[in-house]
Amino acid sequence: MKRSMLSILFAGLALAVTSCATREAATYVAAPAALLASPGIEPGWPLTVVNGTFTSTVYQPEVDSWDGHLMMARSAVAIQPSGRTQPVYGVVAIKAITLVNKQSRTVTLAEL
């Protein structure tokens, strides 16, 4: 899977995730416009998105299984609202159908 596609996917998840530890983080959701507007961006890992009210960090995903069609993965996340000294940690679980284009060496995620 192309690194930039994963970067955009997980940047979006960083902003939409709610932590296992608290539902408080759900109030800090915003659109990752800067990342989504630039699909060629290669920010590297971990991905960090800063908003005026919080900072969210998504760590490199771990693919648990992939049979060429169905992918199961997970990624650690940290959300730190401004004013708090410690982030709230959680895990994002991902299940997606993959559409593989061997010629262009790309994978598209569907039914995420």
PDB file of N, CA and C in Angstrom:
ATOM      1  N   MET A   1       0.849  -1.164   0.000  1.00  0.00           N
ATOM      2  CA  MET A   1       0.000   0.000   0.000  1.00  0.00           C
ATOM      3  C   MET A   1       0.892   1.223   0.000  1.00  0.00           C
ATOM      4  N   LYS A   2       0.528   2.206  -0.791  1.00  0.00           N
ATOM      5  CA  LYS A   2       1.331   3.414  -0.858  1.00  0.00           C
ATOM      6  C   LYS A   2       1.326   4.120   0.494  1.00  0.00           C
ATOM      7  N   ARG A   3       2.489   4.616   0.865  1.00  0.00           N
ATOM      8  CA  ARG A   3       2.640   5.272   2.147  1.00  0.00           C
ATOM      9  C   ARG A   3       1.756   6.510   2.254  1.00  0.00           C
ATOM     10  N   SER A   4       1.624   7.275   1.165  1.00  0.00           N
ATOM     11  CA  SER A   4       0.818   8.495   1.229  1.00  0.00           C
ATOM     12  C   SER A   4      -0.648   8.181   1.469  1.00  0.00           C
ATOM     13  N   MET A   5      -1.156   7.077   0.900  1.00  0.00           N
ATOM     14  CA  MET A   5      -2.549   6.688   1.118  1.00  0.00           C
ATOM     15  C   MET A   5      -2.773   6.355   2.587  1.00  0.00           C
ATOM     16  N   LEU A   6      -1.847   5.602   3.172  1.00  0.00           N
ATOM     17  CA  LEU A   6      -1.964   5.280   4.599  1.00  0.00           C
ATOM     18  C   LEU A   6      -1.869   6.544   5.438  1.00  0.00           C
ATOM     19  N   SER A   7      -0.994   7.463   5.040  1.00  0.00           N
ATOM     20  CA  SER A   7      -0.838   8.703   5.791  1.00  0.00           C
ATOM     21  C   SER A   7      -2.136   9.489   5.834  1.00  0.00           C
ATOM     22  N   ILE A   8      -2.806   9.612   4.688  1.00  0.00           N
ATOM     23  CA  ILE A   8      -4.068  10.354   4.628  1.00  0.00           C
ATOM     24  C   ILE A   8      -5.140   9.635   5.426  1.00  0.00           C
ATOM     25  N   LEU A   9      -5.219   8.318   5.266  1.00  0.00           N
ATOM     26  CA  LEU A   9      -6.208   7.527   5.997  1.00  0.00           C
ATOM     27  C   LEU A   9      -6.056   7.712   7.497  1.00  0.00           C
ATOM     28  N   PHE A  10      -4.846   7.566   8.000  1.00  0.00           N
ATOM     29  CA  PHE A  10      -4.648   7.628   9.432  1.00  0.00           C
ATOM     30  C   PHE A  10      -4.668   9.046   9.971  1.00  0.00           C
ATOM     31  N   ALA A  11      -4.368  10.029   9.139  1.00  0.00           N
ATOM     32  CA  ALA A  11      -4.529  11.417   9.584  1.00  0.00           C
ATOM     33  C   ALA A  11      -5.999  11.702   9.824  1.00  0.00           C
ATOM     34  N   GLY A  12      -6.853  11.223   8.933  1.00  0.00           N
ATOM     35  CA  GLY A  12      -8.291  11.381   9.125  1.00  0.00           C
ATOM     36  C   GLY A  12      -8.774  10.657  10.363  1.00  0.00           C
ATOM     37  N   LEU A  13      -8.253   9.457  10.583  1.00  0.00           N
ATOM     38  CA  LEU A  13      -8.642   8.704  11.774  1.00  0.00           C
ATOM     39  C   LEU A  13      -8.179   9.387  13.044  1.00  0.00           C
ATOM     40  N   ALA A  14      -7.050  10.063  12.973  1.00  0.00           N
ATOM     41  CA  ALA A  14      -6.541  10.757  14.158  1.00  0.00           C
ATOM     42  C   ALA A  14      -7.536  11.778  14.660  1.00  0.00           C
ATOM     43  N   LEU A  15      -8.275  12.351  13.741  1.00  0.00           N
ATOM     44  CA  LEU A  15      -9.201  13.399  14.126  1.00  0.00           C
ATOM     45  C   LEU A  15     -10.598  12.886  14.436  1.00  0.00           C
ATOM     46  N   ALA A  16     -10.886  11.654  14.063  1.00  0.00           N
ATOM     47  CA  ALA A  16     -12.227  11.130  14.261  1.00  0.00           C
ATOM     48  C   ALA A  16     -12.305  10.092  15.374  1.00  0.00           C
ATOM     49  N   VAL A  17     -11.186   9.735  15.935  1.00  0.00           N
ATOM     50  CA  VAL A  17     -11.153   8.650  16.917  1.00  0.00           C
ATOM     51  C   VAL A  17     -11.646   9.112  18.294  1.00  0.00           C
ATOM     52  N   THR A  18     -12.273   8.205  18.973  1.00  0.00           N
ATOM     53  CA  THR A  18     -12.571   8.442  20.385  1.00  0.00           C
ATOM     54  C   THR A  18     -11.758   7.435  21.174  1.00  0.00           C
ATOM     55  N   SER A  19     -11.190   7.867  22.239  1.00  0.00           N
ATOM     56  CA  SER A  19     -10.305   7.025  23.019  1.00  0.00           C
ATOM     57  C   SER A  19     -11.070   5.982  23.815  1.00  0.00           C
ATOM     58  N   CYS A  20     -10.402   4.856  24.085  1.00  0.00           N
ATOM     59  CA  CYS A  20     -11.008   3.831  24.943  1.00  0.00           C
ATOM     60  C   CYS A  20     -11.102   4.339  26.382  1.00  0.00           C
ATOM     61  N   ALA A  21     -10.200   5.248  26.743  1.00  0.00           N
ATOM     62  CA  ALA A  21     -10.137   5.689  28.130  1.00  0.00           C
ATOM     63  C   ALA A  21     -11.209   6.721  28.477  1.00  0.00           C
ATOM     64  N   THR A  22     -11.609   7.526  27.505  1.00  0.00           N
ATOM     65  CA  THR A  22     -12.587   8.564  27.790  1.00  0.00           C
ATOM     66  C   THR A  22     -13.318   8.971  26.516  1.00  0.00           C
ATOM     67  N   ARG A  23     -14.548   9.349  26.628  1.00  0.00           N
ATOM     68  CA  ARG A  23     -15.321   9.829  25.481  1.00  0.00           C
ATOM     69  C   ARG A  23     -15.093  11.327  25.278  1.00  0.00           C
ATOM     70  N   GLU A  24     -14.349  11.954  26.174  1.00  0.00           N
ATOM     71  CA  GLU A  24     -14.080  13.374  26.126  1.00  0.00           C
ATOM     72  C   GLU A  24     -13.458  13.791  24.793  1.00  0.00           C
ATOM     73  N   ALA A  25     -12.608  12.962  24.222  1.00  0.00           N
ATOM     74  CA  ALA A  25     -11.902  13.306  22.987  1.00  0.00           C
ATOM     75  C   ALA A  25     -12.851  13.487  21.812  1.00  0.00           C
ATOM     76  N   ALA A  26     -14.028  12.912  21.848  1.00  0.00           N
ATOM     77  CA  ALA A  26     -14.973  12.999  20.731  1.00  0.00           C
ATOM     78  C   ALA A  26     -15.394  14.436  20.451  1.00  0.00           C
ATOM     79  N   THR A  27     -15.288  15.301  21.426  1.00  0.00           N
ATOM     80  CA  THR A  27     -15.689  16.689  21.214  1.00  0.00           C
ATOM     81  C   THR A  27     -14.630  17.484  20.476  1.00  0.00           C
ATOM     82  N   TYR A  28     -13.488  16.898  20.187  1.00  0.00           N
ATOM     83  CA  TYR A  28     -12.386  17.602  19.550  1.00  0.00           C
ATOM     84  C   TYR A  28     -12.190  17.182  18.094  1.00  0.00           C
ATOM     85  N   VAL A  29     -13.252  16.785  17.401  1.00  0.00           N
ATOM     86  CA  VAL A  29     -13.152  16.315  16.017  1.00  0.00           C
ATOM     87  C   VAL A  29     -13.133  17.503  15.056  1.00  0.00           C
ATOM     88  N   ALA A  30     -12.229  17.460  14.079  1.00  0.00           N
ATOM     89  CA  ALA A  30     -12.149  18.498  13.041  1.00  0.00           C
ATOM     90  C   ALA A  30     -11.653  17.859  11.754  1.00  0.00           C
ATOM     91  N   ALA A  31     -11.844  18.517  10.638  1.00  0.00           N
ATOM     92  CA  ALA A  31     -11.419  17.963   9.348  1.00  0.00           C
ATOM     93  C   ALA A  31      -9.930  18.178   9.132  1.00  0.00           C
ATOM     94  N   PRO A  32      -9.212  17.149   8.661  1.00  0.00           N
ATOM     95  CA  PRO A  32      -7.780  17.279   8.392  1.00  0.00           C
ATOM     96  C   PRO A  32      -7.553  17.885   7.006  1.00  0.00           C
ATOM     97  N   ALA A  33      -8.071  19.070   6.765  1.00  0.00           N
ATOM     98  CA  ALA A  33      -8.082  19.677   5.432  1.00  0.00           C
ATOM     99  C   ALA A  33      -6.687  19.784   4.827  1.00  0.00           C
ATOM    100  N   ALA A  34      -5.705  20.173   5.599  1.00  0.00           N
ATOM    101  CA  ALA A  34      -4.364  20.361   5.048  1.00  0.00           C
ATOM    102  C   ALA A  34      -3.802  19.064   4.492  1.00  0.00           C
ATOM    103  N   LEU A  35      -4.018  17.967   5.178  1.00  0.00           N
ATOM    104  CA  LEU A  35      -3.501  16.689   4.697  1.00  0.00           C
ATOM    105  C   LEU A  35      -4.331  16.138   3.552  1.00  0.00           C
ATOM    106  N   LEU A  36      -5.642  16.217   3.653  1.00  0.00           N
ATOM    107  CA  LEU A  36      -6.498  15.657   2.615  1.00  0.00           C
ATOM    108  C   LEU A  36      -6.411  16.442   1.313  1.00  0.00           C
ATOM    109  N   ALA A  37      -6.084  17.707   1.387  1.00  0.00           N
ATOM    110  CA  ALA A  37      -5.987  18.528   0.183  1.00  0.00           C
ATOM    111  C   ALA A  37      -4.701  18.253  -0.589  1.00  0.00           C
ATOM    112  N   SER A  38      -3.735  17.591   0.042  1.00  0.00           N
ATOM    113  CA  SER A  38      -2.443  17.326  -0.596  1.00  0.00           C
ATOM    114  C   SER A  38      -2.134  15.841  -0.568  1.00  0.00           C
ATOM    115  N   PRO A  39      -2.759  15.043  -1.460  1.00  0.00           N
ATOM    116  CA  PRO A  39      -2.556  13.603  -1.413  1.00  0.00           C
ATOM    117  C   PRO A  39      -1.127  13.155  -1.668  1.00  0.00           C
ATOM    118  N   GLY A  40      -0.277  13.998  -2.250  1.00  0.00           N
ATOM    119  CA  GLY A  40       1.107  13.616  -2.494  1.00  0.00           C
ATOM    120  C   GLY A  40       2.005  13.798  -1.284  1.00  0.00           C
ATOM    121  N   ILE A  41       1.456  14.264  -0.190  1.00  0.00           N
ATOM    122  CA  ILE A  41       2.234  14.550   1.007  1.00  0.00           C
ATOM    123  C   ILE A  41       2.783  13.256   1.613  1.00  0.00           C
ATOM    124  N   GLU A  42       4.012  13.260   2.041  1.00  0.00           N
ATOM    125  CA  GLU A  42       4.634  12.101   2.685  1.00  0.00           C
ATOM    126  C   GLU A  42       5.136  12.523   4.065  1.00  0.00           C
ATOM    127  N   PRO A  43       4.240  12.655   5.047  1.00  0.00           N
ATOM    128  CA  PRO A  43       4.657  13.202   6.334  1.00  0.00           C
ATOM    129  C   PRO A  43       5.475  12.246   7.205  1.00  0.00           C
ATOM    130  N   GLY A  44       5.443  10.950   6.947  1.00  0.00           N
ATOM    131  CA  GLY A  44       6.172  10.010   7.785  1.00  0.00           C
ATOM    132  C   GLY A  44       5.402   9.667   9.050  1.00  0.00           C
ATOM    133  N   TRP A  45       5.984   8.824   9.863  1.00  0.00           N
ATOM    134  CA  TRP A  45       5.329   8.350  11.092  1.00  0.00           C
ATOM    135  C   TRP A  45       6.095   8.816  12.294  1.00  0.00           C
ATOM    136  N   PRO A  46       5.452   9.090  13.405  1.00  0.00           N
ATOM    137  CA  PRO A  46       4.004   9.158  13.564  1.00  0.00           C
ATOM    138  C   PRO A  46       3.445  10.404  12.896  1.00  0.00           C
ATOM    139  N   LEU A  47       2.161  10.337  12.561  1.00  0.00           N
ATOM    140  CA  LEU A  47       1.449  11.483  11.992  1.00  0.00           C
ATOM    141  C   LEU A  47       0.932  12.324  13.148  1.00  0.00           C
ATOM    142  N   THR A  48       1.174  13.617  13.103  1.00  0.00           N
ATOM    143  CA  THR A  48       0.674  14.508  14.145  1.00  0.00           C
ATOM    144  C   THR A  48      -0.128  15.616  13.487  1.00  0.00           C
ATOM    145  N   VAL A  49      -1.349  15.802  13.976  1.00  0.00           N
ATOM    146  CA  VAL A  49      -2.225  16.854  13.485  1.00  0.00           C
ATOM    147  C   VAL A  49      -2.523  17.772  14.660  1.00  0.00           C
ATOM    148  N   VAL A  50      -2.225  19.068  14.486  1.00  0.00           N
ATOM    149  CA  VAL A  50      -2.433  20.043  15.559  1.00  0.00           C
ATOM    150  C   VAL A  50      -3.589  20.938  15.176  1.00  0.00           C
ATOM    151  N   ASN A  51      -4.530  21.069  16.098  1.00  0.00           N
ATOM    152  CA  ASN A  51      -5.665  21.957  15.948  1.00  0.00           C
ATOM    153  C   ASN A  51      -5.563  22.917  17.128  1.00  0.00           C
ATOM    154  N   GLY A  52      -6.284  23.992  17.125  1.00  0.00           N
ATOM    155  CA  GLY A  52      -6.214  24.949  18.225  1.00  0.00           C
ATOM    156  C   GLY A  52      -6.619  24.371  19.570  1.00  0.00           C
ATOM    157  N   THR A  53      -7.428  23.297  19.563  1.00  0.00           N
ATOM    158  CA  THR A  53      -7.920  22.764  20.833  1.00  0.00           C
ATOM    159  C   THR A  53      -7.328  21.411  21.210  1.00  0.00           C
ATOM    160  N   PHE A  54      -6.617  20.766  20.293  1.00  0.00           N
ATOM    161  CA  PHE A  54      -6.043  19.471  20.618  1.00  0.00           C
ATOM    162  C   PHE A  54      -4.916  19.110  19.659  1.00  0.00           C
ATOM    163  N   THR A  55      -4.133  18.122  20.056  1.00  0.00           N
ATOM    164  CA  THR A  55      -3.104  17.533  19.202  1.00  0.00           C
ATOM    165  C   THR A  55      -3.378  16.046  19.159  1.00  0.00           C
ATOM    166  N   SER A  56      -3.452  15.488  17.956  1.00  0.00           N
ATOM    167  CA  SER A  56      -3.641  14.043  17.858  1.00  0.00           C
ATOM    168  C   SER A  56      -2.466  13.450  17.097  1.00  0.00           C
ATOM    169  N   THR A  57      -2.036  12.293  17.554  1.00  0.00           N
ATOM    170  CA  THR A  57      -0.902  11.593  16.964  1.00  0.00           C
ATOM    171  C   THR A  57      -1.332  10.176  16.635  1.00  0.00           C
ATOM    172  N   VAL A  58      -1.065   9.754  15.401  1.00  0.00           N
ATOM    173  CA  VAL A  58      -1.352   8.388  14.981  1.00  0.00           C
ATOM    174  C   VAL A  58      -0.021   7.728  14.682  1.00  0.00           C
ATOM    175  N   TYR A  59       0.211   6.586  15.297  1.00  0.00           N
ATOM    176  CA  TYR A  59       1.452   5.853  15.106  1.00  0.00           C
ATOM    177  C   TYR A  59       1.313   4.870  13.950  1.00  0.00           C
ATOM    178  N   GLN A  60       2.437   4.463  13.383  1.00  0.00           N
ATOM    179  CA  GLN A  60       2.434   3.608  12.198  1.00  0.00           C
ATOM    180  C   GLN A  60       1.554   2.379  12.408  1.00  0.00           C
ATOM    181  N   PRO A  61       0.686   2.097  11.440  1.00  0.00           N
ATOM    182  CA  PRO A  61      -0.231   0.961  11.588  1.00  0.00           C
ATOM    183  C   PRO A  61       0.488  -0.379  11.535  1.00  0.00           C
ATOM    184  N   GLU A  62      -0.101  -1.340  12.207  1.00  0.00           N
ATOM    185  CA  GLU A  62       0.364  -2.728  12.192  1.00  0.00           C
ATOM    186  C   GLU A  62      -0.689  -3.527  11.452  1.00  0.00           C
ATOM    187  N   VAL A  63      -0.317  -4.165  10.362  1.00  0.00           N
ATOM    188  CA  VAL A  63      -1.264  -5.001   9.621  1.00  0.00           C
ATOM    189  C   VAL A  63      -1.315  -6.354  10.322  1.00  0.00           C
ATOM    190  N   ASP A  64      -2.489  -6.707  10.838  1.00  0.00           N
ATOM    191  CA  ASP A  64      -2.663  -7.991  11.527  1.00  0.00           C
ATOM    192  C   ASP A  64      -2.825  -9.130  10.537  1.00  0.00           C
ATOM    193  N   SER A  65      -3.590  -8.878   9.478  1.00  0.00           N
ATOM    194  CA  SER A  65      -3.758  -9.907   8.446  1.00  0.00           C
ATOM    195  C   SER A  65      -4.165  -9.233   7.146  1.00  0.00           C
ATOM    196  N   TRP A  66      -3.774  -9.862   6.044  1.00  0.00           N
ATOM    197  CA  TRP A  66      -4.149  -9.369   4.727  1.00  0.00           C
ATOM    198  C   TRP A  66      -4.028 -10.528   3.757  1.00  0.00           C
ATOM    199  N   ASP A  67      -5.163 -10.981   3.244  1.00  0.00           N
ATOM    200  CA  ASP A  67      -5.172 -12.122   2.331  1.00  0.00           C
ATOM    201  C   ASP A  67      -5.197 -11.684   0.869  1.00  0.00           C
ATOM    202  N   GLY A  68      -4.906 -10.411   0.618  1.00  0.00           N
ATOM    203  CA  GLY A  68      -4.961  -9.875  -0.727  1.00  0.00           C
ATOM    204  C   GLY A  68      -6.316  -9.261  -1.055  1.00  0.00           C
ATOM    205  N   HIS A  69      -7.294  -9.492  -0.187  1.00  0.00           N
ATOM    206  CA  HIS A  69      -8.640  -8.956  -0.375  1.00  0.00           C
ATOM    207  C   HIS A  69      -9.119  -8.215   0.872  1.00  0.00           C
ATOM    208  N   LEU A  70      -9.039  -8.844   2.020  1.00  0.00           N
ATOM    209  CA  LEU A  70      -9.489  -8.258   3.285  1.00  0.00           C
ATOM    210  C   LEU A  70      -8.274  -7.942   4.149  1.00  0.00           C
ATOM    211  N   MET A  71      -8.202  -6.697   4.613  1.00  0.00           N
ATOM    212  CA  MET A  71      -7.099  -6.288   5.478  1.00  0.00           C
ATOM    213  C   MET A  71      -7.634  -5.940   6.860  1.00  0.00           C
ATOM    214  N   MET A  72      -6.949  -6.418   7.871  1.00  0.00           N
ATOM    215  CA  MET A  72      -7.230  -6.075   9.262  1.00  0.00           C
ATOM    216  C   MET A  72      -5.965  -5.419   9.809  1.00  0.00           C
ATOM    217  N   ALA A  73      -6.104  -4.231  10.397  1.00  0.00           N
ATOM    218  CA  ALA A  73      -4.949  -3.514  10.920  1.00  0.00           C
ATOM    219  C   ALA A  73      -5.350  -2.771  12.182  1.00  0.00           C
ATOM    220  N   ARG A  74      -4.353  -2.267  12.892  1.00  0.00           N
ATOM    221  CA  ARG A  74      -4.595  -1.463  14.087  1.00  0.00           C
ATOM    222  C   ARG A  74      -3.479  -0.446  14.212  1.00  0.00           C
ATOM    223  N   SER A  75      -3.793   0.629  14.902  1.00  0.00           N
ATOM    224  CA  SER A  75      -2.817   1.692  15.078  1.00  0.00           C
ATOM    225  C   SER A  75      -3.039   2.356  16.430  1.00  0.00           C
ATOM    226  N   ALA A  76      -1.953   2.644  17.112  1.00  0.00           N
ATOM    227  CA  ALA A  76      -2.042   3.367  18.384  1.00  0.00           C
ATOM    228  C   ALA A  76      -2.274   4.839  18.079  1.00  0.00           C
ATOM    229  N   VAL A  77      -3.055   5.499  18.925  1.00  0.00           N
ATOM    230  CA  VAL A  77      -3.325   6.926  18.774  1.00  0.00           C
ATOM    231  C   VAL A  77      -3.185   7.622  20.121  1.00  0.00           C
ATOM    232  N   ALA A  78      -2.857   8.893  20.075  1.00  0.00           N
ATOM    233  CA  ALA A  78      -2.793   9.717  21.281  1.00  0.00           C
ATOM    234  C   ALA A  78      -3.489  11.033  20.983  1.00  0.00           C
ATOM    235  N   ILE A  79      -4.391  11.432  21.856  1.00  0.00           N
ATOM    236  CA  ILE A  79      -5.087  12.708  21.702  1.00  0.00           C
ATOM    237  C   ILE A  79      -4.831  13.528  22.960  1.00  0.00           C
ATOM    238  N   GLN A  80      -4.339  14.751  22.757  1.00  0.00           N
ATOM    239  CA  GLN A  80      -4.034  15.612  23.895  1.00  0.00           C
ATOM    240  C   GLN A  80      -4.751  16.943  23.741  1.00  0.00           C
ATOM    241  N   PRO A  81      -5.861  17.113  24.491  1.00  0.00           N
ATOM    242  CA  PRO A  81      -6.539  18.414  24.478  1.00  0.00           C
ATOM    243  C   PRO A  81      -5.619  19.478  25.074  1.00  0.00           C
ATOM    244  N   SER A  82      -5.721  20.707  24.582  1.00  0.00           N
ATOM    245  CA  SER A  82      -4.894  21.780  25.136  1.00  0.00           C
ATOM    246  C   SER A  82      -5.253  21.975  26.605  1.00  0.00           C
ATOM    247  N   GLY A  83      -4.266  22.260  27.393  1.00  0.00           N
ATOM    248  CA  GLY A  83      -4.478  22.442  28.823  1.00  0.00           C
ATOM    249  C   GLY A  83      -4.231  21.176  29.635  1.00  0.00           C
ATOM    250  N   ARG A  84      -4.144  20.027  28.984  1.00  0.00           N
ATOM    251  CA  ARG A  84      -3.853  18.776  29.696  1.00  0.00           C
ATOM    252  C   ARG A  84      -2.376  18.470  29.550  1.00  0.00           C
ATOM    253  N   THR A  85      -1.802  17.913  30.585  1.00  0.00           N
ATOM    254  CA  THR A  85      -0.374  17.602  30.527  1.00  0.00           C
ATOM    255  C   THR A  85      -0.096  16.234  29.919  1.00  0.00           C
ATOM    256  N   GLN A  86      -1.051  15.324  29.990  1.00  0.00           N
ATOM    257  CA  GLN A  86      -0.862  13.972  29.460  1.00  0.00           C
ATOM    258  C   GLN A  86      -1.891  13.673  28.377  1.00  0.00           C
ATOM    259  N   PRO A  87      -1.468  13.004  27.297  1.00  0.00           N
ATOM    260  CA  PRO A  87      -2.441  12.610  26.268  1.00  0.00           C
ATOM    261  C   PRO A  87      -3.270  11.416  26.720  1.00  0.00           C
ATOM    262  N   VAL A  88      -4.372  11.210  26.035  1.00  0.00           N
ATOM    263  CA  VAL A  88      -5.210  10.037  26.245  1.00  0.00           C
ATOM    264  C   VAL A  88      -4.873   9.083  25.105  1.00  0.00           C
ATOM    265  N   TYR A  89      -4.546   7.831  25.436  1.00  0.00           N
ATOM    266  CA  TYR A  89      -4.135   6.857  24.431  1.00  0.00           C
ATOM    267  C   TYR A  89      -5.267   5.900  24.103  1.00  0.00           C
ATOM    268  N   GLY A  90      -5.240   5.408  22.888  1.00  0.00           N
ATOM    269  CA  GLY A  90      -6.228   4.435  22.448  1.00  0.00           C
ATOM    270  C   GLY A  90      -5.713   3.687  21.235  1.00  0.00           C
ATOM    271  N   VAL A  91      -6.567   2.851  20.675  1.00  0.00           N
ATOM    272  CA  VAL A  91      -6.216   2.051  19.502  1.00  0.00           C
ATOM    273  C   VAL A  91      -7.343   2.176  18.487  1.00  0.00           C
ATOM    274  N   VAL A  92      -6.974   2.322  17.216  1.00  0.00           N
ATOM    275  CA  VAL A  92      -7.936   2.331  16.129  1.00  0.00           C
ATOM    276  C   VAL A  92      -7.815   0.976  15.432  1.00  0.00           C
ATOM    277  N   ALA A  93      -8.938   0.267  15.315  1.00  0.00           N
ATOM    278  CA  ALA A  93      -8.962  -1.000  14.584  1.00  0.00           C
ATOM    279  C   ALA A  93      -9.551  -0.734  13.207  1.00  0.00           C
ATOM    280  N   ILE A  94      -8.932  -1.305  12.182  1.00  0.00           N
ATOM    281  CA  ILE A  94      -9.358  -1.060  10.807  1.00  0.00           C
ATOM    282  C   ILE A  94      -9.622  -2.372  10.108  1.00  0.00           C
ATOM    283  N   LYS A  95     -10.754  -2.421   9.416  1.00  0.00           N
ATOM    284  CA  LYS A  95     -11.106  -3.562   8.576  1.00  0.00           C
ATOM    285  C   LYS A  95     -11.517  -2.977   7.238  1.00  0.00           C
ATOM    286  N   ALA A  96     -10.888  -3.424   6.147  1.00  0.00           N
ATOM    287  CA  ALA A  96     -11.190  -2.851   4.837  1.00  0.00           C
ATOM    288  C   ALA A  96     -11.016  -3.892   3.740  1.00  0.00           C
ATOM    289  N   ILE A  97     -11.810  -3.740   2.697  1.00  0.00           N
ATOM    290  CA  ILE A  97     -11.629  -4.515   1.473  1.00  0.00           C
ATOM    291  C   ILE A  97     -10.542  -3.800   0.689  1.00  0.00           C
ATOM    292  N   THR A  98      -9.592  -4.542   0.128  1.00  0.00           N
ATOM    293  CA  THR A  98      -8.516  -3.924  -0.631  1.00  0.00           C
ATOM    294  C   THR A  98      -8.665  -4.234  -2.114  1.00  0.00           C
ATOM    295  N   LEU A  99      -8.439  -3.232  -2.924  1.00  0.00           N
ATOM    296  CA  LEU A  99      -8.462  -3.366  -4.375  1.00  0.00           C
ATOM    297  C   LEU A  99      -7.034  -3.144  -4.849  1.00  0.00           C
ATOM    298  N   VAL A 100      -6.379  -4.217  -5.301  1.00  0.00           N
ATOM    299  CA  VAL A 100      -4.958  -4.183  -5.633  1.00  0.00           C
ATOM    300  C   VAL A 100      -4.763  -3.944  -7.126  1.00  0.00           C
ATOM    301  N   ASN A 101      -3.909  -2.975  -7.461  1.00  0.00           N
ATOM    302  CA  ASN A 101      -3.495  -2.727  -8.836  1.00  0.00           C
ATOM    303  C   ASN A 101      -2.006  -3.045  -8.896  1.00  0.00           C
ATOM    304  N   LYS A 102      -1.681  -4.247  -9.344  1.00  0.00           N
ATOM    305  CA  LYS A 102      -0.285  -4.689  -9.355  1.00  0.00           C
ATOM    306  C   LYS A 102       0.568  -3.870 -10.320  1.00  0.00           C
ATOM    307  N   GLN A 103      -0.012  -3.432 -11.420  1.00  0.00           N
ATOM    308  CA  GLN A 103       0.737  -2.671 -12.412  1.00  0.00           C
ATOM    309  C   GLN A 103       1.235  -1.342 -11.833  1.00  0.00           C
ATOM    310  N   SER A 104       0.364  -0.618 -11.126  1.00  0.00           N
ATOM    311  CA  SER A 104       0.780   0.661 -10.546  1.00  0.00           C
ATOM    312  C   SER A 104       1.290   0.511  -9.112  1.00  0.00           C
ATOM    313  N   ARG A 105       1.256  -0.709  -8.597  1.00  0.00           N
ATOM    314  CA  ARG A 105       1.731  -1.008  -7.234  1.00  0.00           C
ATOM    315  C   ARG A 105       1.005  -0.162  -6.187  1.00  0.00           C
ATOM    316  N   THR A 106      -0.337  -0.091  -6.338  1.00  0.00           N
ATOM    317  CA  THR A 106      -1.150   0.659  -5.386  1.00  0.00           C
ATOM    318  C   THR A 106      -2.276  -0.231  -4.844  1.00  0.00           C
ATOM    319  N   VAL A 107      -2.746   0.153  -3.679  1.00  0.00           N
ATOM    320  CA  VAL A 107      -3.880  -0.535  -3.058  1.00  0.00           C
ATOM    321  C   VAL A 107      -4.884   0.540  -2.661  1.00  0.00           C
ATOM    322  N   THR A 108      -6.141   0.312  -3.025  1.00  0.00           N
ATOM    323  CA  THR A 108      -7.210   1.218  -2.638  1.00  0.00           C
ATOM    324  C   THR A 108      -8.048   0.529  -1.573  1.00  0.00           C
ATOM    325  N   LEU A 109      -8.376   1.257  -0.510  1.00  0.00           N
ATOM    326  CA  LEU A 109      -9.200   0.707   0.563  1.00  0.00           C
ATOM    327  C   LEU A 109     -10.657   1.022   0.287  1.00  0.00           C
ATOM    328  N   ALA A 110     -11.519   0.021   0.421  1.00  0.00           N
ATOM    329  CA  ALA A 110     -12.956   0.198   0.228  1.00  0.00           C
ATOM    330  C   ALA A 110     -13.683  -0.399   1.418  1.00  0.00           C
ATOM    331  N   GLU A 111     -14.888   0.046   1.642  1.00  0.00           N
ATOM    332  CA  GLU A 111     -15.725  -0.453   2.742  1.00  0.00           C
ATOM    333  C   GLU A 111     -14.950  -0.426   4.058  1.00  0.00           C
ATOM    334  N   LEU A 112     -14.329   0.700   4.300  1.00  0.00           N
ATOM    335  CA  LEU A 112     -13.519   0.876   5.499  1.00  0.00           C
ATOM    336  C   LEU A 112     -14.376   0.878   6.740  1.00  0.00           C
TER     337      LEU A 112
END
